[in-house]
Amino acid sequence: MMYLPREEGQGMVEYALILVLVAIVVIVILRLLGPAIADVFSNIMEAI
């Protein structure tokens, strides 16, 4: 019987890399937009 490589682990690694990439993108967006979002919430709290 020939050796057949298992590919399940490769799929899990690909999913993990995608999750890491998405997390990095979210962190960068929050870093850039964080002050603007804080100002919006501050203005809402002042209006209440």
PDB file of N, CA and C in Angstrom:
ATOM      1  N   MET A   1       0.847  -1.181   0.000  1.00  0.00           N
ATOM      2  CA  MET A   1       0.000   0.000   0.000  1.00  0.00           C
ATOM      3  C   MET A   1       0.890   1.240   0.000  1.00  0.00           C
ATOM      4  N   MET A   2       0.533   2.194  -0.836  1.00  0.00           N
ATOM      5  CA  MET A   2       1.342   3.408  -0.944  1.00  0.00           C
ATOM      6  C   MET A   2       1.016   4.365   0.199  1.00  0.00           C
ATOM      7  N   TYR A   3       1.997   5.158   0.546  1.00  0.00           N
ATOM      8  CA  TYR A   3       1.811   6.148   1.611  1.00  0.00           C
ATOM      9  C   TYR A   3       1.042   7.329   1.058  1.00  0.00           C
ATOM     10  N   LEU A   4      -0.059   7.662   1.686  1.00  0.00           N
ATOM     11  CA  LEU A   4      -0.854   8.822   1.280  1.00  0.00           C
ATOM     12  C   LEU A   4      -0.717   9.895   2.358  1.00  0.00           C
ATOM     13  N   PRO A   5      -0.236  11.074   1.999  1.00  0.00           N
ATOM     14  CA  PRO A   5      -0.064  12.122   3.017  1.00  0.00           C
ATOM     15  C   PRO A   5      -1.407  12.611   3.541  1.00  0.00           C
ATOM     16  N   ARG A   6      -1.427  12.919   4.817  1.00  0.00           N
ATOM     17  CA  ARG A   6      -2.635  13.472   5.425  1.00  0.00           C
ATOM     18  C   ARG A   6      -2.647  14.973   5.225  1.00  0.00           C
ATOM     19  N   GLU A   7      -3.789  15.499   4.804  1.00  0.00           N
ATOM     20  CA  GLU A   7      -3.874  16.924   4.493  1.00  0.00           C
ATOM     21  C   GLU A   7      -4.756  17.686   5.480  1.00  0.00           C
ATOM     22  N   GLU A   8      -5.280  16.990   6.494  1.00  0.00           N
ATOM     23  CA  GLU A   8      -6.148  17.703   7.442  1.00  0.00           C
ATOM     24  C   GLU A   8      -5.383  18.787   8.188  1.00  0.00           C
ATOM     25  N   GLY A   9      -4.151  18.483   8.573  1.00  0.00           N
ATOM     26  CA  GLY A   9      -3.345  19.453   9.309  1.00  0.00           C
ATOM     27  C   GLY A   9      -3.044  20.689   8.490  1.00  0.00           C
ATOM     28  N   GLN A  10      -2.859  20.503   7.192  1.00  0.00           N
ATOM     29  CA  GLN A  10      -2.581  21.639   6.319  1.00  0.00           C
ATOM     30  C   GLN A  10      -3.766  22.593   6.301  1.00  0.00           C
ATOM     31  N   GLY A  11      -4.978  22.068   6.259  1.00  0.00           N
ATOM     32  CA  GLY A  11      -6.171  22.918   6.263  1.00  0.00           C
ATOM     33  C   GLY A  11      -6.268  23.722   7.541  1.00  0.00           C
ATOM     34  N   MET A  12      -5.943  23.090   8.673  1.00  0.00           N
ATOM     35  CA  MET A  12      -6.000  23.806   9.948  1.00  0.00           C
ATOM     36  C   MET A  12      -4.978  24.930   9.989  1.00  0.00           C
ATOM     37  N   VAL A  13      -3.798  24.693   9.450  1.00  0.00           N
ATOM     38  CA  VAL A  13      -2.772  25.732   9.416  1.00  0.00           C
ATOM     39  C   VAL A  13      -3.234  26.892   8.548  1.00  0.00           C
ATOM     40  N   GLU A  14      -3.874  26.589   7.423  1.00  0.00           N
ATOM     41  CA  GLU A  14      -4.365  27.656   6.552  1.00  0.00           C
ATOM     42  C   GLU A  14      -5.422  28.499   7.262  1.00  0.00           C
ATOM     43  N   TYR A  15      -6.336  27.836   7.976  1.00  0.00           N
ATOM     44  CA  TYR A  15      -7.351  28.580   8.733  1.00  0.00           C
ATOM     45  C   TYR A  15      -6.700  29.450   9.806  1.00  0.00           C
ATOM     46  N   ALA A  16      -5.699  28.928  10.469  1.00  0.00           N
ATOM     47  CA  ALA A  16      -5.010  29.702  11.505  1.00  0.00           C
ATOM     48  C   ALA A  16      -4.328  30.923  10.900  1.00  0.00           C
ATOM     49  N   LEU A  17      -3.691  30.761   9.747  1.00  0.00           N
ATOM     50  CA  LEU A  17      -3.038  31.901   9.106  1.00  0.00           C
ATOM     51  C   LEU A  17      -4.047  32.954   8.688  1.00  0.00           C
ATOM     52  N   ILE A  18      -5.197  32.527   8.190  1.00  0.00           N
ATOM     53  CA  ILE A  18      -6.242  33.486   7.814  1.00  0.00           C
ATOM     54  C   ILE A  18      -6.731  34.238   9.048  1.00  0.00           C
ATOM     55  N   LEU A  19      -6.944  33.523  10.158  1.00  0.00           N
ATOM     56  CA  LEU A  19      -7.397  34.188  11.384  1.00  0.00           C
ATOM     57  C   LEU A  19      -6.370  35.198  11.885  1.00  0.00           C
ATOM     58  N   VAL A  20      -5.091  34.853  11.807  1.00  0.00           N
ATOM     59  CA  VAL A  20      -4.042  35.777  12.233  1.00  0.00           C
ATOM     60  C   VAL A  20      -4.040  37.016  11.344  1.00  0.00           C
ATOM     61  N   LEU A  21      -4.188  36.826  10.030  1.00  0.00           N
ATOM     62  CA  LEU A  21      -4.213  37.961   9.113  1.00  0.00           C
ATOM     63  C   LEU A  21      -5.400  38.871   9.401  1.00  0.00           C
ATOM     64  N   VAL A  22      -6.570  38.286   9.628  1.00  0.00           N
ATOM     65  CA  VAL A  22      -7.760  39.091   9.940  1.00  0.00           C
ATOM     66  C   VAL A  22      -7.560  39.844  11.251  1.00  0.00           C
ATOM     67  N   ALA A  23      -6.979  39.192  12.246  1.00  0.00           N
ATOM     68  CA  ALA A  23      -6.741  39.854  13.531  1.00  0.00           C
ATOM     69  C   ALA A  23      -5.792  41.039  13.362  1.00  0.00           C
ATOM     70  N   ILE A  24      -4.745  40.873  12.561  1.00  0.00           N
ATOM     71  CA  ILE A  24      -3.798  41.976  12.342  1.00  0.00           C
ATOM     72  C   ILE A  24      -4.493  43.138  11.654  1.00  0.00           C
ATOM     73  N   VAL A  25      -5.329  42.852  10.655  1.00  0.00           N
ATOM     74  CA  VAL A  25      -6.047  43.911   9.945  1.00  0.00           C
ATOM     75  C   VAL A  25      -6.979  44.651  10.899  1.00  0.00           C
ATOM     76  N   VAL A  26      -7.692  43.917  11.745  1.00  0.00           N
ATOM     77  CA  VAL A  26      -8.605  44.552  12.705  1.00  0.00           C
ATOM     78  C   VAL A  26      -7.838  45.438  13.675  1.00  0.00           C
ATOM     79  N   ILE A  27      -6.708  44.963  14.163  1.00  0.00           N
ATOM     80  CA  ILE A  27      -5.904  45.754  15.100  1.00  0.00           C
ATOM     81  C   ILE A  27      -5.418  47.033  14.439  1.00  0.00           C
ATOM     82  N   VAL A  28      -4.958  46.945  13.205  1.00  0.00           N
ATOM     83  CA  VAL A  28      -4.479  48.139  12.499  1.00  0.00           C
ATOM     84  C   VAL A  28      -5.608  49.132  12.295  1.00  0.00           C
ATOM     85  N   ILE A  29      -6.787  48.644  11.903  1.00  0.00           N
ATOM     86  CA  ILE A  29      -7.932  49.546  11.697  1.00  0.00           C
ATOM     87  C   ILE A  29      -8.321  50.219  13.000  1.00  0.00           C
ATOM     88  N   LEU A  30      -8.346  49.456  14.099  1.00  0.00           N
ATOM     89  CA  LEU A  30      -8.709  50.055  15.382  1.00  0.00           C
ATOM     90  C   LEU A  30      -7.674  51.076  15.835  1.00  0.00           C
ATOM     91  N   ARG A  31      -6.398  50.812  15.554  1.00  0.00           N
ATOM     92  CA  ARG A  31      -5.345  51.778  15.898  1.00  0.00           C
ATOM     93  C   ARG A  31      -5.543  53.090  15.139  1.00  0.00           C
ATOM     94  N   LEU A  32      -5.924  52.978  13.861  1.00  0.00           N
ATOM     95  CA  LEU A  32      -6.088  54.175  13.039  1.00  0.00           C
ATOM     96  C   LEU A  32      -7.373  54.923  13.370  1.00  0.00           C
ATOM     97  N   LEU A  33      -8.453  54.181  13.623  1.00  0.00           N
ATOM     98  CA  LEU A  33      -9.759  54.816  13.840  1.00  0.00           C
ATOM     99  C   LEU A  33     -10.113  54.964  15.315  1.00  0.00           C
ATOM    100  N   GLY A  34      -9.291  54.466  16.197  1.00  0.00           N
ATOM    101  CA  GLY A  34      -9.597  54.500  17.620  1.00  0.00           C
ATOM    102  C   GLY A  34      -9.912  55.888  18.163  1.00  0.00           C
ATOM    103  N   PRO A  35      -9.054  56.871  17.911  1.00  0.00           N
ATOM    104  CA  PRO A  35      -9.354  58.223  18.415  1.00  0.00           C
ATOM    105  C   PRO A  35     -10.665  58.793  17.869  1.00  0.00           C
ATOM    106  N   ALA A  36     -10.971  58.546  16.608  1.00  0.00           N
ATOM    107  CA  ALA A  36     -12.217  59.051  16.032  1.00  0.00           C
ATOM    108  C   ALA A  36     -13.423  58.389  16.688  1.00  0.00           C
ATOM    109  N   ILE A  37     -13.325  57.077  16.929  1.00  0.00           N
ATOM    110  CA  ILE A  37     -14.425  56.371  17.587  1.00  0.00           C
ATOM    111  C   ILE A  37     -14.588  56.866  19.019  1.00  0.00           C
ATOM    112  N   ALA A  38     -13.502  57.108  19.711  1.00  0.00           N
ATOM    113  CA  ALA A  38     -13.571  57.625  21.079  1.00  0.00           C
ATOM    114  C   ALA A  38     -14.223  58.997  21.104  1.00  0.00           C
ATOM    115  N   ASP A  39     -13.921  59.837  20.124  1.00  0.00           N
ATOM    116  CA  ASP A  39     -14.548  61.165  20.059  1.00  0.00           C
ATOM    117  C   ASP A  39     -16.053  61.055  19.845  1.00  0.00           C
ATOM    118  N   VAL A  40     -16.481  60.123  19.008  1.00  0.00           N
ATOM    119  CA  VAL A  40     -17.912  59.944  18.755  1.00  0.00           C
ATOM    120  C   VAL A  40     -18.613  59.535  20.046  1.00  0.00           C
ATOM    121  N   PHE A  41     -18.056  58.558  20.765  1.00  0.00           N
ATOM    122  CA  PHE A  41     -18.674  58.134  22.022  1.00  0.00           C
ATOM    123  C   PHE A  41     -18.642  59.256  23.057  1.00  0.00           C
ATOM    124  N   SER A  42     -17.577  60.037  23.066  1.00  0.00           N
ATOM    125  CA  SER A  42     -17.492  61.158  23.997  1.00  0.00           C
ATOM    126  C   SER A  42     -18.575  62.187  23.703  1.00  0.00           C
ATOM    127  N   ASN A  43     -18.787  62.485  22.443  1.00  0.00           N
ATOM    128  CA  ASN A  43     -19.834  63.436  22.062  1.00  0.00           C
ATOM    129  C   ASN A  43     -21.221  62.913  22.414  1.00  0.00           C
ATOM    130  N   ILE A  44     -21.428  61.620  22.269  1.00  0.00           N
ATOM    131  CA  ILE A  44     -22.725  61.025  22.639  1.00  0.00           C
ATOM    132  C   ILE A  44     -22.953  61.129  24.135  1.00  0.00           C
ATOM    133  N   MET A  45     -21.914  60.844  24.918  1.00  0.00           N
ATOM    134  CA  MET A  45     -22.047  60.917  26.377  1.00  0.00           C
ATOM    135  C   MET A  45     -22.290  62.346  26.845  1.00  0.00           C
ATOM    136  N   GLU A  46     -21.667  63.312  26.191  1.00  0.00           N
ATOM    137  CA  GLU A  46     -21.882  64.712  26.556  1.00  0.00           C
ATOM    138  C   GLU A  46     -23.292  65.166  26.223  1.00  0.00           C
ATOM    139  N   ALA A  47     -23.875  64.611  25.165  1.00  0.00           N
ATOM    140  CA  ALA A  47     -25.213  65.010  24.744  1.00  0.00           C
ATOM    141  C   ALA A  47     -26.288  64.424  25.641  1.00  0.00           C
ATOM    142  N   ILE A  48     -25.952  63.362  26.358  1.00  0.00           N
ATOM    143  CA  ILE A  48     -26.979  62.712  27.217  1.00  0.00           C
ATOM    144  C   ILE A  48     -27.154  63.489  28.507  1.00  0.00           C
TER     145      ILE A  48
END
